[in-house]
Amino acid sequence: MRRYACDASDPAGVAELFDHVVRDFGTPRLVVHNIDGRVPGIFRKTIIEADPAMALETVRNAAFSAFLVGQQAARLMLGNEPDTNGARGTIIFTNASAALKGFPSSGAFAMACHAKSGLAQSMARELMPQGIHVANVPIDTAIGRAQEDGTRAHWLAGTTVDDNMADPDRIAEIYLQLHRQHRSTWAFEIVLRPWIEKW
């Protein structure tokens, strides 16, 4: 595994990131945009309380970064030779519940998530006929990250009990399944939520 630092809301920074990836690994066939984008000061702010600069930064961090990453990925993938499935690559956008439903006191994030969904849909309709699978994956729950003691927990939702939060390993399995789907049944949107989630 190799990690790269990048401001994903900076066009030059994203272009440089992809240059490094191509140099180190070759042209990617799978790219996942997994940026939440919220700035700490925007959490649970009503529309009246929300700082416009923080709202703009949230949109820039979440949706504009998705545009930049998607643009660079598409540019490169269009040059890939199709695989045996006719695919040149897969671009997956991780999204959130706010892509499906705007919550009270979450206007900036809802705006950013809806923008990311619209981008993904537009890209899918443009690129899927050219052999690039594009998918939008709203995760409608907290994600329980592995802890040192073997449990899973979320910084706000607490410790996982009876699979009440998404497991990152299971999310990765779904993403890999999306990447391997036959082009006759490419899924555009898959909403992930645990069995007990209220929706």
Protein backbone atom coordinates (compact mmCIF):
# COMPACT_ATOMS: atom_id res chain seq x y z
CA MET A 1 0.00 0.00 0.00
CA ARG A 2 1.19 3.48 -0.82
CA ARG A 3 -0.31 6.74 0.42
CA TYR A 4 -0.26 10.07 -1.38
CA ALA A 5 -1.04 13.49 0.06
CA CYS A 6 -3.36 15.67 -2.01
CA ASP A 7 -5.77 18.56 -1.67
CA ALA A 8 -8.55 16.93 -3.68
CA SER A 9 -10.28 20.29 -4.18
CA ASP A 10 -7.25 21.69 -6.06
CA PRO A 11 -7.18 20.90 -9.81
CA ALA A 12 -3.38 20.94 -10.05
CA GLY A 13 -3.05 18.79 -6.93
CA VAL A 14 -5.44 16.14 -8.28
CA ALA A 15 -3.70 16.10 -11.66
CA GLU A 16 -0.36 15.63 -9.89
CA LEU A 17 -1.82 12.83 -7.75
CA PHE A 18 -2.91 10.91 -10.84
CA ASP A 19 0.50 11.51 -12.46
CA HIS A 20 2.14 9.87 -9.42
CA VAL A 21 -0.28 6.93 -9.47
CA VAL A 22 0.30 6.32 -13.18
CA ARG A 23 4.07 6.55 -12.69
CA ASP A 24 4.03 4.12 -9.75
CA PHE A 25 1.29 1.67 -10.77
CA GLY A 26 0.13 2.37 -14.32
CA THR A 27 -3.23 3.68 -15.46
CA PRO A 28 -5.90 2.87 -12.86
CA ARG A 29 -8.84 0.61 -13.62
CA LEU A 30 -10.62 1.35 -10.33
CA VAL A 31 -10.89 4.78 -8.69
CA VAL A 32 -12.94 5.44 -5.55
CA HIS A 33 -13.77 8.97 -4.42
CA ASN A 34 -14.36 8.63 -0.68
CA ILE A 35 -14.37 12.19 0.65
CA ASP A 36 -17.08 13.33 3.07
CA GLY A 37 -16.06 16.97 2.80
CA ARG A 38 -17.80 18.52 5.80
CA VAL A 39 -15.81 21.07 7.75
CA PRO A 40 -16.11 20.70 11.54
CA GLY A 41 -17.86 24.05 12.05
CA ILE A 42 -20.77 23.12 9.75
CA PHE A 43 -22.03 20.13 11.79
CA ARG A 44 -25.61 20.52 13.06
CA LYS A 45 -25.96 24.13 11.98
CA THR A 46 -29.39 25.39 10.97
CA ILE A 47 -29.73 27.21 7.68
CA ILE A 48 -29.67 30.48 9.63
CA GLU A 49 -26.59 29.54 11.70
CA ALA A 50 -24.50 28.04 8.89
CA ASP A 51 -21.51 30.14 7.88
CA PRO A 52 -21.69 30.67 4.08
CA ALA A 53 -17.91 30.26 3.75
CA MET A 54 -18.10 26.87 5.52
CA ALA A 55 -21.01 25.82 3.31
CA LEU A 56 -18.99 26.68 0.20
CA GLU A 57 -15.95 24.85 1.58
CA THR A 58 -18.12 21.76 2.23
CA VAL A 59 -19.35 21.79 -1.38
CA ARG A 60 -15.81 22.32 -2.63
CA ASN A 61 -14.41 19.52 -0.47
CA ALA A 62 -17.15 17.00 -1.30
CA ALA A 63 -18.64 17.72 -4.73
CA PHE A 64 -15.95 19.74 -6.51
CA SER A 65 -13.29 17.24 -5.42
CA ALA A 66 -15.51 14.46 -6.85
CA PHE A 67 -15.63 16.35 -10.15
CA LEU A 68 -11.83 16.71 -10.24
CA VAL A 69 -11.13 13.09 -9.31
CA GLY A 70 -13.78 11.82 -11.73
CA GLN A 71 -12.41 13.99 -14.52
CA GLN A 72 -8.84 12.75 -14.11
CA ALA A 73 -9.95 9.12 -13.75
CA ALA A 74 -12.12 9.32 -16.88
CA ARG A 75 -9.36 11.00 -18.89
CA LEU A 76 -6.98 8.16 -18.09
CA MET A 77 -9.44 5.27 -18.28
CA LEU A 78 -10.64 6.23 -21.75
CA GLY A 79 -7.12 5.33 -22.90
CA ASN A 80 -7.30 1.84 -21.36
CA GLU A 81 -7.81 -1.15 -23.62
CA PRO A 82 -11.14 -2.80 -22.81
CA ASP A 83 -10.85 -5.94 -20.68
CA THR A 84 -12.61 -9.22 -21.55
CA ASN A 85 -15.83 -7.67 -20.19
CA GLY A 86 -15.45 -4.64 -22.46
CA ALA A 87 -14.69 -2.39 -19.47
CA ARG A 88 -12.01 0.28 -19.43
CA GLY A 89 -12.42 0.98 -15.71
CA THR A 90 -14.71 1.76 -12.78
CA ILE A 91 -15.26 5.04 -10.93
CA ILE A 92 -17.13 4.81 -7.62
CA PHE A 93 -18.36 7.79 -5.62
CA THR A 94 -18.96 7.10 -1.93
CA ASN A 95 -21.89 9.22 -0.83
CA ALA A 96 -24.05 9.57 2.28
CA SER A 97 -27.65 9.50 3.48
CA ALA A 98 -27.85 13.19 2.63
CA ALA A 99 -27.69 12.24 -1.06
CA LEU A 100 -31.16 10.72 -0.61
CA LYS A 101 -32.72 12.89 2.07
CA GLY A 102 -31.76 16.29 3.39
CA PHE A 103 -31.74 16.30 7.17
CA PRO A 104 -32.61 19.35 9.31
CA SER A 105 -29.53 21.39 10.27
CA SER A 106 -27.53 19.79 7.47
CA GLY A 107 -28.23 21.96 4.44
CA ALA A 108 -24.63 22.42 3.31
CA PHE A 109 -23.89 18.71 3.44
CA ALA A 110 -27.18 17.80 1.70
CA MET A 111 -26.35 20.28 -1.05
CA ALA A 112 -22.88 18.74 -1.51
CA CYS A 113 -24.19 15.15 -1.51
CA HIS A 114 -26.93 15.92 -4.03
CA ALA A 115 -24.34 17.60 -6.24
CA LYS A 116 -22.14 14.51 -6.06
CA SER A 117 -25.12 12.30 -7.02
CA GLY A 118 -25.90 14.51 -10.01
CA LEU A 119 -22.28 14.43 -11.12
CA ALA A 120 -22.17 10.64 -10.84
CA GLN A 121 -25.38 10.27 -12.83
CA SER A 122 -24.17 12.59 -15.57
CA MET A 123 -20.81 10.81 -15.75
CA ALA A 124 -22.49 7.39 -15.86
CA ARG A 125 -24.70 8.39 -18.79
CA GLU A 126 -21.69 9.83 -20.63
CA LEU A 127 -19.04 7.24 -19.83
CA MET A 128 -20.80 3.88 -19.48
CA PRO A 129 -21.39 3.66 -23.27
CA GLN A 130 -17.63 4.17 -23.61
CA GLY A 131 -16.80 1.28 -21.28
CA ILE A 132 -16.34 3.06 -17.94
CA HIS A 133 -18.62 1.87 -15.13
CA VAL A 134 -19.65 4.76 -12.86
CA ALA A 135 -21.46 4.09 -9.58
CA ASN A 136 -22.85 6.22 -6.75
CA VAL A 137 -22.91 4.47 -3.34
CA PRO A 138 -24.78 6.30 -0.57
CA ILE A 139 -23.96 4.75 2.80
CA ASP A 140 -27.03 5.31 4.97
CA THR A 141 -25.53 4.60 8.38
CA ALA A 142 -22.49 5.14 10.56
CA ILE A 143 -19.38 3.18 9.65
CA GLY A 144 -17.90 1.20 12.53
CA ARG A 145 -14.11 1.27 12.29
CA ALA A 146 -11.99 -1.49 13.83
CA GLN A 147 -10.66 -0.69 17.30
CA GLU A 148 -7.55 -2.07 19.01
CA ASP A 149 -9.66 -4.39 21.17
CA GLY A 150 -11.30 -5.97 18.10
CA THR A 151 -14.62 -4.14 18.37
CA ARG A 152 -15.88 -1.66 15.81
CA ALA A 153 -16.95 1.88 16.71
CA HIS A 154 -17.93 5.24 15.26
CA TRP A 155 -16.67 8.50 16.78
CA LEU A 156 -20.23 9.78 17.29
CA ALA A 157 -22.52 6.71 17.18
CA GLY A 158 -20.54 4.64 19.70
CA THR A 159 -19.63 0.95 19.63
CA THR A 160 -21.16 -1.43 17.11
CA VAL A 161 -23.79 -3.76 18.57
CA ASP A 162 -25.32 -6.64 16.59
CA ASP A 163 -24.11 -5.28 13.20
CA ASN A 164 -25.92 -1.96 13.64
CA MET A 165 -23.23 -0.09 11.67
CA ALA A 166 -21.61 -0.67 8.31
CA ASP A 167 -18.47 -2.80 8.36
CA PRO A 168 -15.68 -1.27 6.21
CA ASP A 169 -14.60 -4.73 5.00
CA ARG A 170 -18.14 -5.45 3.76
CA ILE A 171 -18.22 -2.06 2.01
CA ALA A 172 -14.97 -2.95 0.25
CA GLU A 173 -16.50 -6.26 -0.89
CA ILE A 174 -19.44 -4.39 -2.44
CA TYR A 175 -17.07 -2.00 -4.22
CA LEU A 176 -15.08 -4.91 -5.61
CA GLN A 177 -18.31 -6.57 -6.77
CA LEU A 178 -19.27 -3.34 -8.55
CA HIS A 179 -15.89 -3.28 -10.26
CA ARG A 180 -16.28 -6.89 -11.40
CA GLN A 181 -19.91 -6.64 -12.58
CA HIS A 182 -20.68 -7.79 -16.09
CA ARG A 183 -21.47 -4.83 -18.30
CA SER A 184 -24.88 -6.26 -19.18
CA THR A 185 -25.92 -5.55 -15.56
CA TRP A 186 -23.87 -2.59 -14.39
CA ALA A 187 -25.45 -1.05 -11.29
CA PHE A 188 -25.42 2.73 -11.06
CA GLU A 189 -26.60 3.25 -7.49
CA ILE A 190 -26.43 0.93 -4.51
CA VAL A 191 -27.57 2.20 -1.12
CA LEU A 192 -25.83 0.47 1.78
CA ARG A 193 -27.45 0.27 5.19
CA PRO A 194 -27.47 -2.30 8.01
CA TRP A 195 -30.42 -4.57 8.54
CA ILE A 196 -31.63 -2.55 11.54
CA GLU A 197 -31.33 0.97 10.09
CA LYS A 198 -34.55 3.02 10.20
CA TRP A 199 -35.32 4.53 6.84
